[in-house]
């Protein structure tokens, strides 16, 4: 199934996306839906059908309890940063205000001339837990979605803690939908992932190249803190970011940023 959070008559609503329609569900958003242990049955229920034309997609999980992100999780990105390969996952966080829709305009901060892209596979927790074993981790995942960890590099580099450059208001598109785990390979492995700017491929990799794979990420994170339904984990970005290029390349107003993950989804965000 594909599950989305859409805006209908000015209000958020969870929906199941089919090839030709959106079926409205009895939940305000996908995050709320996932808090019900019977969410899969509710998601499959009949409901009002609306056209996909002009559908307004909100972040698929608008207000997650937590957004956990991984840095340095593809060998190509580690190499381009000149950092050592980490022994343990590199974790940082975002606030929900950083999220935006998969087709929303992204406003370039007036404080920045180094706005950069980072395509990422995001997983969404469907069943909470603490100290989850890696061999059980996939049972805790509702599905996967597309994200781009659009980064304000100046603010990321201001201190050794780079939260400020990573959780900028409305810079992280999430969606357009969640693809449930049963529709994808285990751990969403083996999927092509790309960033495209104005038609030019800037990042191209495969989710099988993760240094720490999805089960390892869930297990490690759940040792630190209890995971809850609707929590979002961004799994890291491959090489090809603008900041690592020679010369460096950054996003400018008017450009179209596309983030694509095979079998998961395709985002299109105009920089304004």
Protein backbone atom coordinates (compact mmCIF):
# COMPACT_ATOMS: atom_id res chain seq x y z
CA UNK A 1 0.00 0.00 0.00
CA UNK A 2 0.89 3.63 -0.46
CA UNK A 3 -0.25 5.84 2.43
CA UNK A 4 -0.15 9.63 2.32
CA UNK A 5 -1.17 12.63 4.35
CA UNK A 6 -3.07 15.06 2.12
CA UNK A 7 -4.86 18.36 2.59
CA UNK A 8 -8.59 18.21 1.82
CA UNK A 9 -10.81 21.27 2.32
CA UNK A 10 -8.07 22.90 4.36
CA UNK A 11 -7.58 19.97 6.73
CA UNK A 12 -5.07 17.13 6.90
CA UNK A 13 -6.31 13.62 6.18
CA UNK A 14 -4.71 10.20 5.84
CA UNK A 15 -5.28 8.52 2.48
CA UNK A 16 -4.49 5.33 0.61
CA UNK A 17 -3.11 6.12 -2.83
CA UNK A 18 -4.12 3.87 -5.70
CA UNK A 19 -3.29 4.10 -9.41
CA UNK A 20 -6.27 6.35 -10.11
CA UNK A 21 -7.56 7.81 -6.82
CA UNK A 22 -6.90 8.70 -3.20
CA UNK A 23 -9.12 6.85 -0.72
CA UNK A 24 -9.64 8.94 2.40
CA UNK A 25 -9.10 7.11 5.69
CA UNK A 26 -10.45 7.56 9.19
CA UNK A 27 -7.35 9.34 10.54
CA UNK A 28 -6.08 12.90 10.49
CA UNK A 29 -2.69 11.82 9.13
CA UNK A 30 -0.50 8.75 8.63
CA UNK A 31 1.28 9.33 11.93
CA UNK A 32 -2.01 9.14 13.82
CA UNK A 33 -3.03 6.05 11.83
CA UNK A 34 0.15 4.22 12.86
CA UNK A 35 -0.60 4.66 16.56
CA UNK A 36 -3.35 2.05 16.13
CA UNK A 37 -1.91 -1.47 16.32
CA UNK A 38 -4.50 -2.42 13.70
CA UNK A 39 -3.38 0.34 11.35
CA UNK A 40 -2.94 -1.98 8.35
CA UNK A 41 -6.58 -3.08 8.49
CA UNK A 42 -7.76 0.52 8.85
CA UNK A 43 -5.56 1.56 5.94
CA UNK A 44 -7.18 -1.06 3.71
CA UNK A 45 -10.74 0.04 4.53
CA UNK A 46 -13.13 1.61 2.04
CA UNK A 47 -13.61 5.36 2.10
CA UNK A 48 -14.41 8.42 0.04
CA UNK A 49 -12.51 8.47 -3.23
CA UNK A 50 -11.01 11.71 -4.54
CA UNK A 51 -9.03 12.55 -7.66
CA UNK A 52 -5.25 12.48 -7.70
CA UNK A 53 -5.24 15.59 -9.90
CA UNK A 54 -3.96 18.55 -7.90
CA UNK A 55 -3.77 16.53 -4.69
CA UNK A 56 -1.98 18.52 -1.98
CA UNK A 57 0.55 16.22 -0.30
CA UNK A 58 1.72 17.16 3.19
CA UNK A 59 4.74 15.55 4.89
CA UNK A 60 3.67 11.91 5.13
CA UNK A 61 4.27 11.99 8.91
CA UNK A 62 3.58 15.65 9.77
CA UNK A 63 4.46 15.59 13.49
CA UNK A 64 6.61 12.58 14.38
CA UNK A 65 7.59 12.13 18.01
CA UNK A 66 11.17 12.04 16.80
CA UNK A 67 13.18 12.36 13.59
CA UNK A 68 16.50 10.53 13.84
CA UNK A 69 19.10 11.04 11.11
CA UNK A 70 22.30 9.22 10.22
CA UNK A 71 25.43 10.90 9.00
CA UNK A 72 28.30 9.17 7.22
CA UNK A 73 26.39 6.04 6.23
CA UNK A 74 27.54 5.55 2.62
CA UNK A 75 31.22 4.87 1.83
CA UNK A 76 31.15 7.35 -1.08
CA UNK A 77 29.97 10.17 1.20
CA UNK A 78 32.50 9.28 3.90
CA UNK A 79 35.26 9.42 1.27
CA UNK A 80 34.21 12.80 -0.12
CA UNK A 81 34.11 14.33 3.37
CA UNK A 82 37.58 13.01 4.24
CA UNK A 83 36.25 11.50 7.46
CA UNK A 84 37.18 8.14 8.92
CA UNK A 85 34.70 5.29 8.59
CA UNK A 86 32.68 5.35 11.82
CA UNK A 87 32.64 2.36 14.14
CA UNK A 88 29.10 3.16 15.27
CA UNK A 89 26.16 4.94 13.59
CA UNK A 90 26.45 8.72 13.62
CA UNK A 91 23.12 10.01 14.92
CA UNK A 92 21.61 13.48 15.00
CA UNK A 93 18.07 14.81 15.15
CA UNK A 94 15.61 17.15 13.49
CA UNK A 95 12.45 18.83 14.74
CA UNK A 96 9.13 18.35 12.99
CA UNK A 97 9.11 21.98 11.84
CA UNK A 98 11.92 21.06 9.44
CA UNK A 99 9.53 18.92 7.37
CA UNK A 100 7.75 19.98 4.20
CA UNK A 101 5.80 18.33 1.40
CA UNK A 102 7.23 16.28 -1.45
CA UNK A 103 6.10 18.86 -4.03
CA UNK A 104 6.29 22.02 -1.93
CA UNK A 105 8.48 24.96 -2.82
CA UNK A 106 11.64 25.18 -0.72
CA UNK A 107 12.53 28.71 0.30
CA UNK A 108 16.27 29.35 0.19
CA UNK A 109 17.22 30.98 3.51
CA UNK A 110 18.38 34.55 3.05
CA UNK A 111 21.14 33.73 5.54
CA UNK A 112 22.68 31.11 3.24
CA UNK A 113 24.58 30.86 -0.01
CA UNK A 114 25.46 27.20 0.53
CA UNK A 115 22.13 25.37 0.39
CA UNK A 116 22.94 21.73 -0.37
CA UNK A 117 21.14 18.48 -1.22
CA UNK A 118 21.29 15.04 0.43
CA UNK A 119 18.93 12.35 -0.92
CA UNK A 120 17.92 9.83 1.74
CA UNK A 121 15.82 6.73 2.25
CA UNK A 122 13.59 7.26 5.30
CA UNK A 123 12.01 4.48 7.31
CA UNK A 124 8.90 4.87 9.44
CA UNK A 125 8.29 2.91 12.62
CA UNK A 126 5.01 0.99 12.79
CA UNK A 127 5.50 -0.89 16.06
CA UNK A 128 7.34 0.72 18.93
CA UNK A 129 9.95 -0.84 21.15
CA UNK A 130 13.15 -0.55 23.14
CA UNK A 131 16.29 -2.67 22.75
CA UNK A 132 14.96 -4.14 19.51
CA UNK A 133 17.15 -6.94 18.18
CA UNK A 134 18.46 -6.53 14.63
CA UNK A 135 16.85 -9.83 13.63
CA UNK A 136 13.47 -8.46 14.76
CA UNK A 137 13.88 -4.91 13.48
CA UNK A 138 12.03 -5.28 10.18
CA UNK A 139 8.88 -6.30 12.08
CA UNK A 140 8.86 -2.82 13.65
CA UNK A 141 8.89 -0.90 10.35
CA UNK A 142 5.62 0.22 8.76
CA UNK A 143 7.28 1.24 5.52
CA UNK A 144 9.60 3.59 3.71
CA UNK A 145 9.48 7.02 2.11
CA UNK A 146 11.68 9.54 0.32
CA UNK A 147 13.45 12.45 1.96
CA UNK A 148 16.11 15.01 1.18
CA UNK A 149 18.17 16.33 4.06
CA UNK A 150 18.50 19.79 2.50
CA UNK A 151 21.27 21.44 4.51
CA UNK A 152 22.37 24.99 5.29
CA UNK A 153 26.11 24.33 5.20
CA UNK A 154 27.28 27.60 6.81
CA UNK A 155 25.17 26.91 9.88
CA UNK A 156 26.13 23.24 9.93
CA UNK A 157 29.79 24.27 10.15
CA UNK A 158 29.40 27.00 12.76
CA UNK A 159 30.01 24.58 15.62
CA UNK A 160 30.93 20.93 16.09
CA UNK A 161 27.22 20.26 16.70
CA UNK A 162 25.51 20.75 13.33
CA UNK A 163 21.85 20.67 14.33
CA UNK A 164 21.33 24.28 13.23
CA UNK A 165 22.21 23.49 9.63
CA UNK A 166 20.09 20.35 9.55
CA UNK A 167 16.76 21.33 11.11
CA UNK A 168 16.12 24.58 9.26
CA UNK A 169 12.45 25.47 8.93
CA UNK A 170 10.63 23.62 6.12
CA UNK A 171 13.73 22.42 4.26
CA UNK A 172 13.26 18.63 4.57
CA UNK A 173 10.71 17.17 2.15
CA UNK A 174 9.21 13.88 3.36
CA UNK A 175 6.95 11.84 1.09
CA UNK A 176 4.91 11.94 -1.06
CA UNK A 177 3.79 8.68 0.54
CA UNK A 178 4.83 5.77 2.68
CA UNK A 179 5.22 2.48 0.82
CA UNK A 180 4.46 -0.37 3.21
CA UNK A 181 7.24 -2.86 3.87
CA UNK A 182 5.48 -5.75 2.16
CA UNK A 183 5.79 -3.91 -1.19
CA UNK A 184 9.60 -3.66 -1.04
CA UNK A 185 12.67 -5.87 -0.60
CA UNK A 186 13.60 -6.58 3.05
CA UNK A 187 15.08 -3.45 4.58
CA UNK A 188 14.37 -1.61 1.29
CA UNK A 189 17.75 -2.86 0.10
CA UNK A 190 18.85 -2.84 -3.53
CA UNK A 191 16.95 0.28 -4.60
CA UNK A 192 18.40 3.02 -6.80
CA UNK A 193 18.52 6.42 -5.08
CA UNK A 194 19.24 9.73 -6.84
CA UNK A 195 19.29 13.50 -6.53
CA UNK A 196 18.64 15.41 -9.75
CA UNK A 197 19.02 19.21 -10.08
CA UNK A 198 17.58 20.85 -13.20
CA UNK A 199 17.76 17.49 -14.99
CA UNK A 200 21.37 16.74 -14.03
CA UNK A 201 22.04 13.71 -11.82
CA UNK A 202 24.07 14.87 -8.82
CA UNK A 203 23.85 11.79 -6.61
CA UNK A 204 23.30 8.21 -7.72
CA UNK A 205 23.70 5.16 -5.53
CA UNK A 206 21.90 2.11 -4.21
CA UNK A 207 20.38 1.50 -0.79
CA UNK A 208 22.33 -1.76 -0.57
CA UNK A 209 25.44 0.41 -0.12
CA UNK A 210 24.45 1.58 3.38
CA UNK A 211 27.31 1.14 5.84
CA UNK A 212 24.81 0.38 8.63
CA UNK A 213 21.77 -1.31 7.13
CA UNK A 214 18.18 -0.77 8.20
CA UNK A 215 18.04 -3.55 10.86
CA UNK A 216 21.29 -2.31 12.41
CA UNK A 217 20.02 1.28 12.45
CA UNK A 218 16.76 0.37 14.18
CA UNK A 219 18.50 -1.87 16.72
CA UNK A 220 21.14 0.74 17.59
CA UNK A 221 18.70 3.65 17.84
CA UNK A 222 16.33 1.66 20.02
CA UNK A 223 19.14 1.04 22.51
CA UNK A 224 19.34 4.80 22.99
CA UNK A 225 15.65 5.62 23.18
CA UNK A 226 12.30 3.88 22.81
CA UNK A 227 10.99 4.04 19.28
CA UNK A 228 7.32 4.93 18.80
CA UNK A 229 4.87 4.40 15.93
CA UNK A 230 5.32 7.20 13.42
CA UNK A 231 8.95 7.89 14.30
CA UNK A 232 11.03 8.69 11.22
CA UNK A 233 14.65 7.65 10.63
CA UNK A 234 16.65 9.10 7.73
CA UNK A 235 19.30 6.55 6.81
CA UNK A 236 22.04 8.76 5.36
CA UNK A 237 23.13 10.13 1.98
CA UNK A 238 25.53 8.86 -0.69
CA UNK A 239 28.37 10.78 -2.27
CA UNK A 240 27.76 13.64 -4.67
CA UNK A 241 26.74 16.50 -2.39
CA UNK A 242 27.38 19.99 -3.70
CA UNK A 243 29.72 20.96 -0.88
CA UNK A 244 32.17 18.16 -1.79
CA UNK A 245 32.47 19.10 -5.46
CA UNK A 246 35.31 21.06 -7.06
CA UNK A 247 34.15 23.69 -7.64
CA UNK A 248 31.39 23.55 -5.05
CA UNK A 249 27.81 23.76 -6.32
CA UNK A 250 24.82 24.93 -4.29
CA UNK A 251 21.10 25.31 -4.84
CA UNK A 252 19.79 28.58 -6.29
CA UNK A 253 16.29 30.05 -6.62
CA UNK A 254 14.49 28.77 -9.69
CA UNK A 255 16.16 25.37 -9.70
CA UNK A 256 14.18 22.12 -9.53
CA UNK A 257 15.39 19.62 -6.94
CA UNK A 258 14.24 16.04 -7.57
CA UNK A 259 14.76 13.13 -5.18
CA UNK A 260 14.04 9.66 -6.51
CA UNK A 261 14.09 6.24 -4.86
CA UNK A 262 13.20 3.26 -7.01
CA UNK A 263 9.83 1.70 -6.10
CA UNK A 264 9.37 4.24 -3.28
CA UNK A 265 8.70 7.66 -4.75
CA UNK A 266 9.74 10.81 -6.59
CA UNK A 267 9.88 14.28 -5.05
CA UNK A 268 9.96 17.55 -6.98
CA UNK A 269 10.74 20.72 -5.02
CA UNK A 270 11.27 24.11 -6.63
CA UNK A 271 13.84 26.36 -4.90
CA UNK A 272 12.38 29.85 -4.44
